[in-house]
Protein backbone atom coordinates (compact mmCIF):
# COMPACT_ATOMS: atom_id res chain seq x y z
CA MET A 1 70.13 -9.76 112.93
CA THR A 2 73.16 -9.74 112.03
CA GLU A 3 72.87 -6.73 109.76
CA ARG A 4 71.06 -4.94 112.12
CA LEU A 5 74.08 -5.39 114.77
CA LEU A 6 76.25 -4.13 112.41
CA GLN A 7 73.89 -1.28 111.45
CA LEU A 8 73.97 -0.49 115.53
CA GLN A 9 77.93 -0.95 115.60
CA LYS A 10 77.92 2.27 112.32
CA GLU A 11 75.59 4.20 114.65
CA ILE A 12 77.91 4.33 117.65
CA TYR A 13 80.96 4.82 115.52
CA ARG A 14 79.23 7.83 113.84
CA PHE A 15 77.91 9.12 116.99
CA GLU A 16 81.64 8.61 118.88
CA THR A 17 83.24 10.41 115.78
CA THR A 18 81.21 13.43 115.14
CA ASP A 19 80.92 16.50 117.21
CA PHE A 20 77.48 17.02 118.42
CA TYR A 21 77.51 21.07 117.94
CA THR A 22 79.68 21.16 114.62
CA GLN A 23 79.30 18.20 112.91
CA GLU A 24 82.74 18.27 112.50
CA GLU A 25 84.43 14.82 112.54
CA ARG A 26 86.71 13.91 115.62
CA ASN A 27 89.00 10.93 116.53
CA TYR A 28 87.89 7.60 118.07
CA SER A 29 89.51 6.21 120.78
CA GLU A 30 89.65 2.72 121.29
CA TYR A 31 89.96 2.93 124.82
CA TYR A 32 87.35 5.16 125.63
CA SER A 33 84.84 5.50 122.89
CA SER A 34 81.38 3.70 123.38
CA LYS A 35 81.35 0.08 121.38
CA LEU A 36 78.99 -2.97 121.01
CA TYR A 37 80.92 -6.41 120.25
CA PHE A 38 78.71 -9.48 119.44
CA PHE A 39 79.56 -12.66 118.65
CA PRO A 40 77.31 -15.42 117.03
CA VAL A 41 76.60 -18.55 119.14
CA GLY A 42 74.77 -20.94 117.66
CA ASP A 43 71.08 -19.31 117.03
CA PHE A 44 71.64 -16.59 119.56
CA PHE A 45 74.32 -13.84 119.98
CA ASP A 46 76.76 -13.22 122.95
CA ILE A 47 76.64 -9.04 123.24
CA SER A 48 78.69 -6.64 124.91
CA PHE A 49 78.14 -2.92 125.20
CA TYR A 50 80.86 -0.60 126.78
CA GLY A 51 79.76 3.16 126.83
CA ASN A 52 77.82 5.90 128.57
CA GLY A 53 74.24 4.14 129.95
CA PHE A 54 72.34 7.46 129.71
CA ASP A 55 69.39 8.64 127.58
CA GLU A 56 70.36 12.42 126.59
CA GLU A 57 66.30 12.67 125.74
CA PRO A 58 64.18 11.73 128.31
CA ASP A 59 60.85 11.42 126.02
CA THR A 60 61.80 8.40 124.47
CA LYS A 61 60.22 5.13 124.92
CA VAL A 62 62.10 2.30 125.30
CA GLU A 63 59.93 0.74 122.38
CA GLU A 64 61.75 3.11 120.32
CA LEU A 65 64.98 2.09 121.49
CA CYS A 66 64.68 -1.89 120.63
CA PHE A 67 65.72 -2.71 116.84
CA PHE A 68 64.10 -6.44 117.13
């Protein structure tokens, strides 16, 4: 699970630092950019997400978003 959460963090970072239209690199703001925090707690994880809560692709099914 840790590897998948790390991969998700990388995807969020890539999304935040790549311009959608030009694919140029842009700065990451630790104050405003989306981020995912997770901490192992026994056999579970404490997970916090900060960022936009909308989906730009309305045809995406919930099952496609789950990575478990």
